[in-house]
């Protein structure tokens, strides 16, 4: 009785980055390629009844370079390793012949672990392999963590060993005998900017970026049966309340490895992956991946721009943007919105409410610069890669003038200029229109580089101002008291209108007044019974520590940055730019 052999596993299609790498490799135009980005990931080898996802090295060995005659791996930690045992045996057979000719003992002691000592040996092997004409023809050397060998540095600061290693790799990149002999080198690094600039800018070197998985890749992974493979204690459907499509959509911005961590944690702990657990886990993973330098927030149900007092013109414009986002009118959406205004005017609260009204998650970028060489660029690259994968998303940058930096590189080895260039290039990518809406908040828009404020980046500027009339002051008191669950009588609101209505109060000013008034009521054993005398006492005892000249300058800077006259208070709508610029200059605030 004959038995039917089991069907061979279905080979997974190449991911986009792998297809691009294969195209460049098969073109024969490059001997050295840079592979960078999401390198700590799971990659599909087989699908069907026996799905298998593996690490990058296994993927290169089993899928991308499976037909190579020799596959070598090198890193500073392990030295030279091989794609399989047969390749190692053939290499050591060649080493034995090499030792006989050169009077060395590499086939007994093993090849050198140091790159500079190993490089001449590899060069000799490449030249010998180029003469092969059989099935063993073709050599690929994969160097992982090459930034530890040729790190980004100023020429004067590089060591002699780093310069020698750089020259070696650049010579390999341009060697015609390597191209003709089907020999190539792949450098695998997470952040391209950590490598020496002479290498990344070399015309003989091509680079391929591994992005975080898109919706289709996440759907394929979750629906492949990977989580229901033999040995699993709980099926995917039992571990989560989501369908495959819904889970794939909700895990935007995560790598496949992080998706696996979320699901496997739920399966092993027996705690079903609910909406709350998924949201908390996603926030934790994104913030950990970006090393705590970002804050991720899902939209808050029931929160909208209706909860924002005053700022009538700004709210109207933001509601238009929210409508465009909800109806997916991506082709007419702004790429970025600049929101300037004096400190305490309510920029953060306004944007939080706007994001929730849009129904989009928010990624807040904080100060991410580091004193360690290369760390700033690595952190920035991770943040930008996460943003690309999260879309549609609202990206909020507070203190934008400090975070974005400028073209100047005085005293920081060029870090500021490189960070600025990366942000400018990302913001200028029109293909991301509709997937990312960047919002930059600052009290000093005059310090932001002009390159960022142009059309196509932060071309829309919606400034915010303090209360401009008694009606707006009363509105601030009414709305903030409702949020803080404080009941205000007619006498108190009348006091706010007549005594405080001419003051340029901000939301933070009114909040502070009401909190201090409530404190007086609590200390008087009246708890929530906030009376007129409590508010009067809070106002009369308060001393404003802010420099009035600086506050005035911040307001003038917001006016000068404004992109539409309709967003300005009436007193500024007819003023000329020359008058406003002269008024700002008279304040003598340093730029």
Protein backbone atom coordinates (compact mmCIF):
# COMPACT_ATOMS: atom_id res chain seq x y z
CA UNK A 1 0.00 0.00 0.00
CA UNK A 2 1.56 3.25 -1.10
CA UNK A 3 1.48 6.35 1.05
CA UNK A 4 1.07 9.87 -0.21
CA UNK A 5 4.06 12.01 0.78
CA UNK A 6 3.19 15.12 2.78
CA UNK A 7 2.84 18.28 0.75
CA UNK A 8 5.82 20.62 0.81
CA UNK A 9 5.29 23.82 2.82
CA UNK A 10 4.19 26.81 0.76
CA UNK A 11 7.05 29.24 0.36
CA UNK A 12 6.12 32.72 1.60
CA UNK A 13 6.35 35.60 -0.89
CA UNK A 14 9.25 37.96 -0.42
CA UNK A 15 8.52 41.06 1.69
CA UNK A 16 8.92 44.34 -0.26
CA UNK A 17 12.35 45.09 1.22
CA UNK A 18 13.60 41.58 0.32
CA UNK A 19 12.30 41.92 -3.23
CA UNK A 20 14.15 45.24 -3.55
CA UNK A 21 17.34 43.69 -2.17
CA UNK A 22 17.05 40.79 -4.60
CA UNK A 23 16.52 43.21 -7.50
CA UNK A 24 19.63 45.21 -6.63
CA UNK A 25 21.64 42.04 -6.08
CA UNK A 26 20.59 40.40 -9.35
CA UNK A 27 21.31 43.57 -11.31
CA UNK A 28 25.00 42.99 -10.63
CA UNK A 29 25.60 46.72 -10.24
CA UNK A 30 26.48 46.64 -6.54
CA UNK A 31 28.82 44.48 -4.51
CA UNK A 32 28.05 46.14 -1.19
CA UNK A 33 24.55 46.77 0.14
CA UNK A 34 23.31 48.33 3.37
CA UNK A 35 20.29 46.73 5.04
CA UNK A 36 18.84 48.90 7.80
CA UNK A 37 15.73 49.61 9.83
CA UNK A 38 13.53 46.99 11.50
CA UNK A 39 16.20 44.29 11.66
CA UNK A 40 15.02 42.76 14.98
CA UNK A 41 11.89 41.26 13.48
CA UNK A 42 10.18 38.03 12.44
CA UNK A 43 10.17 37.26 8.71
CA UNK A 44 8.03 34.69 6.84
CA UNK A 45 9.71 31.62 5.35
CA UNK A 46 6.72 29.33 4.81
CA UNK A 47 2.94 29.71 4.95
CA UNK A 48 0.06 27.28 4.56
CA UNK A 49 -0.33 24.31 6.91
CA UNK A 50 3.12 24.85 8.42
CA UNK A 51 3.70 28.59 8.78
CA UNK A 52 7.14 29.60 9.96
CA UNK A 53 8.48 33.02 10.92
CA UNK A 54 12.17 33.36 11.73
CA UNK A 55 14.84 35.93 12.62
CA UNK A 56 16.60 38.00 9.96
CA UNK A 57 19.71 35.80 9.86
CA UNK A 58 17.62 32.65 9.40
CA UNK A 59 15.55 34.41 6.73
CA UNK A 60 18.66 35.39 4.80
CA UNK A 61 20.04 31.85 5.10
CA UNK A 62 16.90 29.91 4.23
CA UNK A 63 15.00 32.22 1.94
CA UNK A 64 16.93 35.05 0.34
CA UNK A 65 20.39 33.49 -0.08
CA UNK A 66 19.37 29.83 -0.03
CA UNK A 67 21.06 29.09 -3.35
CA UNK A 68 24.44 30.66 -2.63
CA UNK A 69 27.59 28.57 -2.84
CA UNK A 70 28.98 30.17 0.33
CA UNK A 71 27.17 32.24 2.96
CA UNK A 72 29.35 33.86 5.63
CA UNK A 73 28.34 35.88 8.68
CA UNK A 74 30.58 38.17 10.68
CA UNK A 75 30.21 40.29 13.80
CA UNK A 76 32.66 41.44 16.44
CA UNK A 77 31.15 39.15 19.05
CA UNK A 78 31.30 35.75 17.33
CA UNK A 79 33.72 36.39 14.53
CA UNK A 80 33.17 34.42 11.30
CA UNK A 81 30.31 31.91 11.14
CA UNK A 82 28.70 30.00 8.26
CA UNK A 83 25.30 29.38 6.69
CA UNK A 84 25.55 25.62 7.34
CA UNK A 85 28.04 22.90 8.31
CA UNK A 86 28.84 21.98 4.69
CA UNK A 87 29.88 25.56 3.93
CA UNK A 88 32.10 25.63 7.01
CA UNK A 89 33.76 22.39 5.95
CA UNK A 90 34.49 23.68 2.43
CA UNK A 91 35.90 26.93 3.85
CA UNK A 92 38.22 25.08 6.22
CA UNK A 93 39.39 22.83 3.38
CA UNK A 94 40.42 25.99 1.55
CA UNK A 95 42.06 27.26 4.76
CA UNK A 96 44.17 24.10 4.94
CA UNK A 97 45.52 24.78 1.44
CA UNK A 98 46.04 28.45 2.31
CA UNK A 99 48.02 27.48 5.43
CA UNK A 100 50.30 25.23 3.41
CA UNK A 101 51.10 28.06 1.01
CA UNK A 102 51.36 30.88 3.54
CA UNK A 103 52.76 28.87 6.46
CA UNK A 104 49.85 29.77 8.77
CA UNK A 105 47.59 27.66 11.01
CA UNK A 106 44.12 29.05 10.44
CA UNK A 107 42.53 25.66 9.65
CA UNK A 108 43.53 24.50 13.14
CA UNK A 109 43.11 27.70 15.17
CA UNK A 110 40.18 29.12 13.20
CA UNK A 111 40.06 32.36 11.21
CA UNK A 112 40.91 35.61 13.04
CA UNK A 113 38.09 37.24 14.97
CA UNK A 114 39.42 40.77 14.48
CA UNK A 115 38.01 42.30 11.30
CA UNK A 116 41.25 43.90 10.13
CA UNK A 117 43.08 40.60 10.48
CA UNK A 118 40.24 38.67 8.85
CA UNK A 119 39.72 41.05 5.90
CA UNK A 120 42.90 40.07 3.92
CA UNK A 121 42.00 36.40 4.37
CA UNK A 122 38.48 36.99 3.08
CA UNK A 123 39.84 38.97 0.16
CA UNK A 124 41.98 36.01 -0.89
CA UNK A 125 38.99 33.69 -0.55
CA UNK A 126 36.82 36.03 -2.64
CA UNK A 127 39.38 36.00 -5.46
CA UNK A 128 39.54 32.20 -5.38
CA UNK A 129 35.73 31.89 -5.27
CA UNK A 130 35.40 34.22 -8.26
CA UNK A 131 37.06 31.51 -10.36
CA UNK A 132 34.40 28.90 -9.45
CA UNK A 133 32.10 27.79 -12.26
CA UNK A 134 30.07 25.02 -10.60
CA UNK A 135 27.12 24.89 -8.26
CA UNK A 136 29.24 26.31 -5.44
CA UNK A 137 29.72 29.59 -7.23
CA UNK A 138 28.56 32.74 -5.47
CA UNK A 139 29.65 34.14 -2.11
CA UNK A 140 27.74 36.41 0.27
CA UNK A 141 29.27 37.94 3.39
CA UNK A 142 26.76 39.38 5.88
CA UNK A 143 28.28 41.76 8.43
CA UNK A 144 25.99 42.54 11.36
CA UNK A 145 26.48 45.61 13.58
CA UNK A 146 28.96 47.20 11.13
CA UNK A 147 28.61 50.49 13.04
CA UNK A 148 30.91 48.95 15.65
CA UNK A 149 33.59 48.60 12.97
CA UNK A 150 33.18 51.84 10.99
CA UNK A 151 31.13 54.15 13.24
CA UNK A 152 29.99 57.60 12.19
CA UNK A 153 32.66 60.05 13.30
CA UNK A 154 34.56 63.09 12.23
CA UNK A 155 37.66 62.29 10.19
CA UNK A 156 39.94 63.75 12.85
CA UNK A 157 38.28 61.68 15.58
CA UNK A 158 38.46 58.29 13.86
CA UNK A 159 41.06 55.79 15.03
CA UNK A 160 43.57 54.25 12.65
CA UNK A 161 41.75 50.89 12.86
CA UNK A 162 38.43 52.53 11.95
CA UNK A 163 40.03 54.25 8.96
CA UNK A 164 41.60 51.00 7.77
CA UNK A 165 38.28 49.17 8.10
CA UNK A 166 36.51 51.96 6.19
CA UNK A 167 39.04 51.82 3.36
CA UNK A 168 38.66 48.03 3.20
CA UNK A 169 34.88 48.18 2.81
CA UNK A 170 35.04 50.99 0.26
CA UNK A 171 37.55 49.02 -1.82
CA UNK A 172 35.27 45.98 -1.70
CA UNK A 173 32.34 48.12 -2.83
CA UNK A 174 34.13 49.28 -5.97
CA UNK A 175 36.12 46.13 -6.81
CA UNK A 176 35.11 44.97 -10.34
CA UNK A 177 36.38 41.43 -9.71
CA UNK A 178 33.81 40.99 -6.93
CA UNK A 179 30.95 42.06 -9.19
CA UNK A 180 32.10 39.78 -12.01
CA UNK A 181 32.65 36.90 -9.60
CA UNK A 182 29.13 37.05 -8.08
CA UNK A 183 30.52 38.05 -4.69
CA UNK A 184 28.78 40.55 -2.45
CA UNK A 185 28.76 42.01 1.04
CA UNK A 186 25.63 42.98 3.01
CA UNK A 187 25.99 45.27 6.03
CA UNK A 188 23.07 44.96 8.48
CA UNK A 189 22.51 47.87 10.87
CA UNK A 190 19.49 49.29 12.64
CA UNK A 191 20.31 52.96 11.99
CA UNK A 192 22.03 54.01 8.79
CA UNK A 193 23.29 57.26 10.31
CA UNK A 194 25.45 55.30 12.77
CA UNK A 195 27.69 54.21 9.90
CA UNK A 196 30.48 56.39 8.58
CA UNK A 197 29.18 58.94 6.08
CA UNK A 198 31.86 58.12 3.48
CA UNK A 199 30.38 54.63 3.26
CA UNK A 200 26.68 55.54 3.20
CA UNK A 201 27.25 58.24 0.56
CA UNK A 202 29.45 56.06 -1.65
CA UNK A 203 27.91 55.73 -5.15
CA UNK A 204 28.98 52.07 -5.27
CA UNK A 205 26.88 51.30 -2.18
CA UNK A 206 23.09 50.75 -2.25
CA UNK A 207 20.81 50.81 0.79
CA UNK A 208 17.54 49.03 1.51
CA UNK A 209 15.27 49.92 4.44
CA UNK A 210 13.25 47.31 6.35
CA UNK A 211 10.09 49.12 7.44
CA UNK A 212 7.72 48.13 10.20
CA UNK A 213 5.03 45.80 8.80
CA UNK A 214 2.04 47.32 7.05
CA UNK A 215 -1.57 46.23 7.46
CA UNK A 216 -1.28 43.44 4.86
CA UNK A 217 1.84 41.98 6.51
CA UNK A 218 0.22 42.04 9.96
CA UNK A 219 -2.95 40.44 8.61
CA UNK A 220 -0.93 37.70 6.92
CA UNK A 221 1.02 37.05 10.12
CA UNK A 222 -1.99 36.94 12.44
CA UNK A 223 -4.08 34.85 10.04
CA UNK A 224 -1.29 32.46 9.04
CA UNK A 225 -1.95 29.99 11.85
CA UNK A 226 1.37 30.83 13.51
CA UNK A 227 -0.35 31.20 16.90
CA UNK A 228 -2.30 27.93 16.48
CA UNK A 229 0.69 25.74 15.59
CA UNK A 230 1.11 22.36 17.36
CA UNK A 231 1.99 22.72 21.03
CA UNK A 232 -0.13 25.85 21.56
CA UNK A 233 -2.26 25.59 24.71
CA UNK A 234 -4.87 28.08 23.52
CA UNK A 235 -6.14 28.98 20.06
CA UNK A 236 -5.89 32.56 18.84
CA UNK A 237 -9.68 32.92 18.82
CA UNK A 238 -9.75 31.97 22.51
CA UNK A 239 -6.93 34.35 23.49
CA UNK A 240 -8.39 37.53 21.98
CA UNK A 241 -11.78 39.11 21.45
CA UNK A 242 -10.77 40.48 18.03
CA UNK A 243 -11.09 39.08 14.54
CA UNK A 244 -7.94 38.71 12.43
CA UNK A 245 -8.72 41.88 10.46
CA UNK A 246 -9.53 43.92 13.57
CA UNK A 247 -6.41 42.78 15.43
CA UNK A 248 -4.25 43.56 12.39
CA UNK A 249 -5.74 47.06 12.20
CA UNK A 250 -5.36 47.76 15.92
CA UNK A 251 -1.69 46.74 16.02
CA UNK A 252 -0.46 49.42 13.63
CA UNK A 253 2.97 50.73 14.61
CA UNK A 254 4.07 47.40 16.09
CA UNK A 255 6.53 44.91 14.66
CA UNK A 256 5.47 41.29 14.14
CA UNK A 257 7.68 40.36 17.07
CA UNK A 258 5.77 42.79 19.29
CA UNK A 259 2.42 41.47 18.03
CA UNK A 260 3.61 37.97 18.96
CA UNK A 261 4.59 39.20 22.42
CA UNK A 262 1.09 40.63 23.00
CA UNK A 263 -0.73 37.51 21.86
CA UNK A 264 1.58 35.00 23.55
CA UNK A 265 1.38 36.92 26.84
CA UNK A 266 -2.42 36.62 26.70
CA UNK A 267 -2.22 32.90 25.87
CA UNK A 268 0.26 32.02 28.60
CA UNK A 269 -1.35 34.08 31.36
CA UNK A 270 -4.88 33.10 30.41
CA UNK A 271 -5.89 36.78 30.35
CA UNK A 272 -7.90 37.40 27.22
CA UNK A 273 -6.59 40.19 25.00
CA UNK A 274 -9.34 42.77 25.41
CA UNK A 275 -9.50 46.27 24.00
CA UNK A 276 -8.14 47.74 27.26
CA UNK A 277 -5.25 45.25 27.48
CA UNK A 278 -4.38 45.71 23.82
CA UNK A 279 -4.37 49.50 24.16
CA UNK A 280 -2.19 49.39 27.29
CA UNK A 281 0.17 46.81 25.79
CA UNK A 282 0.53 48.71 22.53
CA UNK A 283 1.28 51.93 24.39
CA UNK A 284 3.91 50.18 26.51
CA UNK A 285 5.61 48.48 23.55
CA UNK A 286 5.74 51.65 21.44
CA UNK A 287 7.11 53.74 24.30
CA UNK A 288 9.68 51.06 25.19
CA UNK A 289 10.77 50.72 21.55
CA UNK A 290 11.28 54.49 21.39
CA UNK A 291 13.11 54.30 24.75
CA UNK A 292 10.53 56.34 26.64
CA UNK A 293 11.09 59.38 24.44
CA UNK A 294 7.51 59.44 23.13
CA UNK A 295 4.04 59.23 24.64
CA UNK A 296 1.39 57.23 22.82
CA UNK A 297 -2.29 57.95 23.46
CA UNK A 298 -5.44 56.46 21.97
CA UNK A 299 -8.38 58.82 21.32
CA UNK A 300 -10.56 59.40 24.37
CA UNK A 301 -14.26 58.64 23.87
CA UNK A 302 -16.59 61.59 24.44
CA UNK A 303 -13.83 64.21 24.21
CA UNK A 304 -14.14 66.87 21.50
CA UNK A 305 -13.42 70.51 20.74
CA UNK A 306 -16.68 71.40 22.48
CA UNK A 307 -14.76 71.18 25.74
CA UNK A 308 -12.41 73.99 24.71
CA UNK A 309 -13.34 77.51 25.76
CA UNK A 310 -12.69 80.53 23.45
CA UNK A 311 -10.29 80.06 20.48
CA UNK A 312 -13.33 80.25 18.18
CA UNK A 313 -11.44 80.72 14.90
CA UNK A 314 -8.88 78.03 15.72
CA UNK A 315 -11.58 75.52 16.64
CA UNK A 316 -13.46 76.22 13.41
CA UNK A 317 -10.34 75.52 11.32
CA UNK A 318 -9.46 72.38 13.27
CA UNK A 319 -13.01 71.09 12.87
CA UNK A 320 -12.57 71.43 9.12
CA UNK A 321 -9.41 69.33 9.34
CA UNK A 322 -11.23 66.75 11.50
CA UNK A 323 -13.98 66.49 8.87
CA UNK A 324 -11.42 65.94 6.11
CA UNK A 325 -9.71 63.23 8.18
CA UNK A 326 -12.95 61.41 9.00
CA UNK A 327 -14.01 61.46 5.33
CA UNK A 328 -10.52 60.42 4.14
CA UNK A 329 -9.97 63.47 1.94
CA UNK A 330 -6.24 62.83 2.14
CA UNK A 331 -5.26 64.72 -1.00
CA UNK A 332 -6.25 68.09 0.48
CA UNK A 333 -5.07 67.55 4.06
CA UNK A 334 -2.32 69.68 5.49
CA UNK A 335 1.03 67.99 6.13
CA UNK A 336 1.58 69.92 9.35
CA UNK A 337 -0.03 72.57 11.55
CA UNK A 338 1.95 75.10 13.57
CA UNK A 339 0.18 76.15 16.80
CA UNK A 340 2.04 79.07 18.43
CA UNK A 341 0.91 81.02 21.46
CA UNK A 342 2.08 82.44 24.75
CA UNK A 343 2.66 80.01 27.60
CA UNK A 344 -0.47 78.82 29.38
CA UNK A 345 -2.83 79.60 26.52
CA UNK A 346 -4.06 75.98 26.23
CA UNK A 347 -2.20 74.58 23.22
CA UNK A 348 -1.85 71.04 24.57
CA UNK A 349 -5.46 70.74 25.74
CA UNK A 350 -6.79 72.05 22.43
CA UNK A 351 -4.79 69.50 20.42
CA UNK A 352 -5.77 66.63 22.75
CA UNK A 353 -9.42 67.46 22.16
CA UNK A 354 -8.84 67.83 18.41
CA UNK A 355 -7.17 64.40 18.19
CA UNK A 356 -10.03 62.73 20.04
CA UNK A 357 -12.55 64.47 17.77
CA UNK A 358 -10.64 63.06 14.78
CA UNK A 359 -10.66 59.58 16.36
CA UNK A 360 -6.92 59.21 15.76
CA UNK A 361 -4.14 58.09 18.11
CA UNK A 362 -1.54 60.63 19.18
CA UNK A 363 2.21 60.21 19.37
CA UNK A 364 3.87 62.97 21.37
CA UNK A 365 7.58 63.53 20.74
CA UNK A 366 9.67 64.91 23.56
CA UNK A 367 13.33 65.88 23.75
CA UNK A 368 15.26 62.85 22.45
CA UNK A 369 18.80 64.15 22.08
CA UNK A 370 21.52 62.20 23.88
CA UNK A 371 25.07 63.00 24.87
CA UNK A 372 26.24 59.63 23.53
CA UNK A 373 27.65 59.44 20.00
CA UNK A 374 25.12 58.03 17.53
CA UNK A 375 22.35 57.63 20.13
CA UNK A 376 20.41 60.71 19.01
CA UNK A 377 20.24 59.56 15.39
CA UNK A 378 19.25 56.02 16.45
CA UNK A 379 16.45 57.34 18.62
CA UNK A 380 15.20 59.66 15.90
CA UNK A 381 15.24 56.86 13.32
CA UNK A 382 13.16 54.60 15.60
CA UNK A 383 10.64 57.37 16.24
CA UNK A 384 10.22 58.21 12.54
CA UNK A 385 9.93 54.51 11.59
CA UNK A 386 7.21 54.05 14.22
CA UNK A 387 5.33 57.11 12.97
CA UNK A 388 5.40 55.81 9.40
CA UNK A 389 3.90 52.50 10.51
CA UNK A 390 1.30 54.00 12.86
CA UNK A 391 -0.52 56.08 10.28
CA UNK A 392 -3.07 57.47 10.24
CA UNK A 393 -1.76 59.25 13.32
CA UNK A 394 -1.43 62.74 14.77
CA UNK A 395 2.15 63.55 15.72
CA UNK A 396 2.42 66.23 18.40
CA UNK A 397 5.69 68.05 19.03
CA UNK A 398 5.70 70.31 22.07
CA UNK A 399 8.43 72.93 22.39
CA UNK A 400 8.93 72.40 18.67
CA UNK A 401 11.63 75.04 18.32
CA UNK A 402 13.89 72.98 20.62
CA UNK A 403 12.96 69.50 19.33
CA UNK A 404 13.38 70.16 15.61
CA UNK A 405 16.61 72.13 15.96
CA UNK A 406 18.07 73.95 12.97
CA UNK A 407 20.85 73.80 10.40
CA UNK A 408 23.47 75.00 12.87
CA UNK A 409 25.98 72.42 14.10
CA UNK A 410 28.14 74.57 16.32
CA UNK A 411 29.69 72.55 19.11
CA UNK A 412 27.69 69.32 18.69
CA UNK A 413 29.63 67.46 15.96
CA UNK A 414 26.84 68.09 13.43
CA UNK A 415 24.07 66.36 15.43
CA UNK A 416 21.65 69.31 15.21
CA UNK A 417 22.03 69.66 11.47
CA UNK A 418 21.57 65.91 10.89
CA UNK A 419 18.48 65.78 13.12
CA UNK A 420 17.04 68.83 11.37
CA UNK A 421 17.72 67.36 7.93
CA UNK A 422 16.00 64.07 8.84
CA UNK A 423 12.90 65.86 10.14
CA UNK A 424 12.79 68.18 7.12
CA UNK A 425 13.06 65.27 4.69
CA UNK A 426 10.34 63.31 6.48
CA UNK A 427 7.96 66.28 6.65
CA UNK A 428 8.58 67.03 3.00
CA UNK A 429 7.52 63.51 1.93
CA UNK A 430 4.20 64.17 0.21
CA UNK A 431 3.43 60.43 0.00
CA UNK A 432 2.68 60.55 3.74
CA UNK A 433 -0.03 63.22 3.33
CA UNK A 434 -3.17 61.93 5.01
CA UNK A 435 -1.33 59.28 6.99
CA UNK A 436 0.43 61.68 9.34
CA UNK A 437 -0.72 65.07 10.56
CA UNK A 438 2.11 66.80 12.39
CA UNK A 439 1.25 69.48 14.94
CA UNK A 440 4.05 71.65 16.29
CA UNK A 441 3.38 73.69 19.41
CA UNK A 442 5.68 76.45 20.59
CA UNK A 443 5.68 79.79 22.38
CA UNK A 444 8.62 80.91 20.23
CA UNK A 445 7.78 80.28 16.56
CA UNK A 446 10.43 82.86 15.65
CA UNK A 447 13.08 80.31 16.71
CA UNK A 448 11.85 77.65 14.29
CA UNK A 449 13.81 77.29 11.05
CA UNK A 450 12.17 78.94 8.06
CA UNK A 451 12.52 75.65 6.15
CA UNK A 452 9.94 74.01 8.42
CA UNK A 453 7.43 76.86 8.22
CA UNK A 454 7.13 76.77 4.45
CA UNK A 455 4.08 75.44 2.59
CA UNK A 456 4.05 71.67 2.44
CA UNK A 457 5.47 71.30 5.95
CA UNK A 458 4.00 73.57 8.62
CA UNK A 459 2.38 75.91 6.14
CA UNK A 460 -0.82 76.25 8.17
CA UNK A 461 -0.27 78.33 11.31
CA UNK A 462 -3.17 78.60 13.78
CA UNK A 463 -2.11 80.87 16.67
CA UNK A 464 -3.83 80.88 20.05
CA UNK A 465 -4.39 83.95 22.22
CA UNK A 466 -5.53 84.83 25.70
CA UNK A 467 -9.15 85.95 26.28
CA UNK A 468 -9.87 89.11 24.31
CA UNK A 469 -13.21 90.24 25.80
CA UNK A 470 -15.37 89.97 28.95
CA UNK A 471 -17.52 87.36 27.20
CA UNK A 472 -14.46 85.15 26.61
CA UNK A 473 -13.35 85.54 30.23
CA UNK A 474 -16.79 84.42 31.44
CA UNK A 475 -16.67 81.51 28.98
CA UNK A 476 -13.32 80.42 30.42
CA UNK A 477 -14.68 80.52 33.97
CA UNK A 478 -17.84 78.64 32.99
CA UNK A 479 -16.17 75.84 31.01
CA UNK A 480 -13.25 75.26 33.41
CA UNK A 481 -15.56 75.32 36.45
CA UNK A 482 -17.71 72.64 34.79
CA UNK A 483 -14.64 70.45 34.12
CA UNK A 484 -13.41 70.91 37.71
CA UNK A 485 -16.93 70.29 39.08
CA UNK A 486 -17.10 73.72 40.73
CA UNK A 487 -20.42 75.55 40.89
CA UNK A 488 -20.19 79.29 40.28
CA UNK A 489 -23.00 81.65 41.21
CA UNK A 490 -24.23 84.60 39.18
CA UNK A 491 -22.35 86.99 41.48
CA UNK A 492 -19.07 85.25 40.78
CA UNK A 493 -19.62 85.26 37.01
CA UNK A 494 -20.59 88.94 37.22
CA UNK A 495 -17.34 89.65 39.07
CA UNK A 496 -15.42 87.77 36.36
CA UNK A 497 -17.07 89.90 33.68
CA UNK A 498 -16.72 93.33 35.30
CA UNK A 499 -13.46 93.03 37.24
CA UNK A 500 -11.50 90.49 35.19
CA UNK A 501 -13.02 90.95 31.75
CA UNK A 502 -10.38 93.41 30.60
CA UNK A 503 -7.46 91.20 31.60
CA UNK A 504 -5.82 88.92 28.99
CA UNK A 505 -6.45 85.73 30.98
CA UNK A 506 -5.50 82.29 29.70
CA UNK A 507 -6.99 78.93 30.55
CA UNK A 508 -4.17 78.16 32.95
CA UNK A 509 -4.76 81.50 34.70
CA UNK A 510 -8.45 80.80 35.25
CA UNK A 511 -7.78 77.20 36.31
CA UNK A 512 -5.29 78.43 38.92
CA UNK A 513 -7.80 81.01 40.22
CA UNK A 514 -10.55 78.41 40.58
CA UNK A 515 -8.30 75.81 42.23
CA UNK A 516 -7.08 78.36 44.78
CA UNK A 517 -10.64 79.56 45.37
CA UNK A 518 -11.77 75.99 46.00
CA UNK A 519 -8.81 75.49 48.33
CA UNK A 520 -10.03 78.45 50.40
CA UNK A 521 -13.54 76.95 50.51
CA UNK A 522 -12.21 73.55 51.63
CA UNK A 523 -10.06 75.11 54.36
CA UNK A 524 -13.15 77.03 55.55
CA UNK A 525 -14.98 73.64 55.88
CA UNK A 526 -17.32 74.51 53.01
CA UNK A 527 -15.91 71.91 50.58
CA UNK A 528 -17.53 72.52 47.16
CA UNK A 529 -19.31 75.72 48.19
CA UNK A 530 -17.06 78.19 46.32
CA UNK A 531 -18.22 81.73 46.96
CA UNK A 532 -17.47 85.12 45.48
CA UNK A 533 -15.13 86.03 48.34
CA UNK A 534 -13.07 82.90 47.66
CA UNK A 535 -12.53 83.92 44.04
CA UNK A 536 -11.80 87.52 45.03
CA UNK A 537 -9.27 86.39 47.61
CA UNK A 538 -7.54 84.12 45.10
CA UNK A 539 -7.31 86.98 42.58
CA UNK A 540 -6.20 89.64 45.06
CA UNK A 541 -3.44 87.50 46.60
CA UNK A 542 -1.97 86.33 43.30
CA UNK A 543 1.33 87.75 42.02
CA UNK A 544 2.08 86.90 38.39
CA UNK A 545 5.74 85.72 38.14
CA UNK A 546 5.84 85.93 34.34
CA UNK A 547 7.88 88.63 32.65
CA UNK A 548 5.26 90.82 30.88
CA UNK A 549 7.79 91.76 28.18
CA UNK A 550 8.40 88.10 27.33
CA UNK A 551 4.68 87.29 27.31
CA UNK A 552 4.02 90.23 24.98
CA UNK A 553 6.85 89.11 22.71
CA UNK A 554 5.45 85.57 22.55
CA UNK A 555 2.07 86.96 21.51
CA UNK A 556 3.63 89.14 18.80
CA UNK A 557 5.66 86.17 17.57
CA UNK A 558 2.44 84.15 17.23
CA UNK A 559 0.84 87.00 15.28
CA UNK A 560 3.81 87.28 12.92
CA UNK A 561 3.77 83.50 12.29
CA UNK A 562 0.03 83.39 11.52
CA UNK A 563 -0.90 82.17 8.03
CA UNK A 564 -4.48 83.54 7.87
CA UNK A 565 -5.72 86.95 9.07
CA UNK A 566 -9.01 85.38 10.20
CA UNK A 567 -7.22 83.61 13.08
CA UNK A 568 -6.07 86.91 14.62
CA UNK A 569 -7.81 89.01 17.28
CA UNK A 570 -9.45 92.13 15.92
CA UNK A 571 -6.74 94.45 17.23
CA UNK A 572 -4.11 92.69 15.11
CA UNK A 573 -6.08 92.14 11.90
CA UNK A 574 -5.38 95.59 10.47
CA UNK A 575 -1.82 96.01 11.78
CA UNK A 576 0.98 95.84 9.21
CA UNK A 577 3.84 93.38 9.53
CA UNK A 578 6.27 96.30 9.70
CA UNK A 579 4.49 97.68 12.77
CA UNK A 580 4.37 94.26 14.47
CA UNK A 581 8.02 93.51 13.69
CA UNK A 582 9.09 96.89 15.05
CA UNK A 583 7.05 96.34 18.22
CA UNK A 584 8.67 92.96 18.77
CA UNK A 585 12.14 94.42 18.18
CA UNK A 586 11.56 97.14 20.77
CA UNK A 587 11.03 94.49 23.43
CA UNK A 588 14.65 93.44 22.99
CA UNK A 589 14.07 89.67 23.37
CA UNK A 590 16.97 87.65 21.98
CA UNK A 591 16.17 85.39 19.05
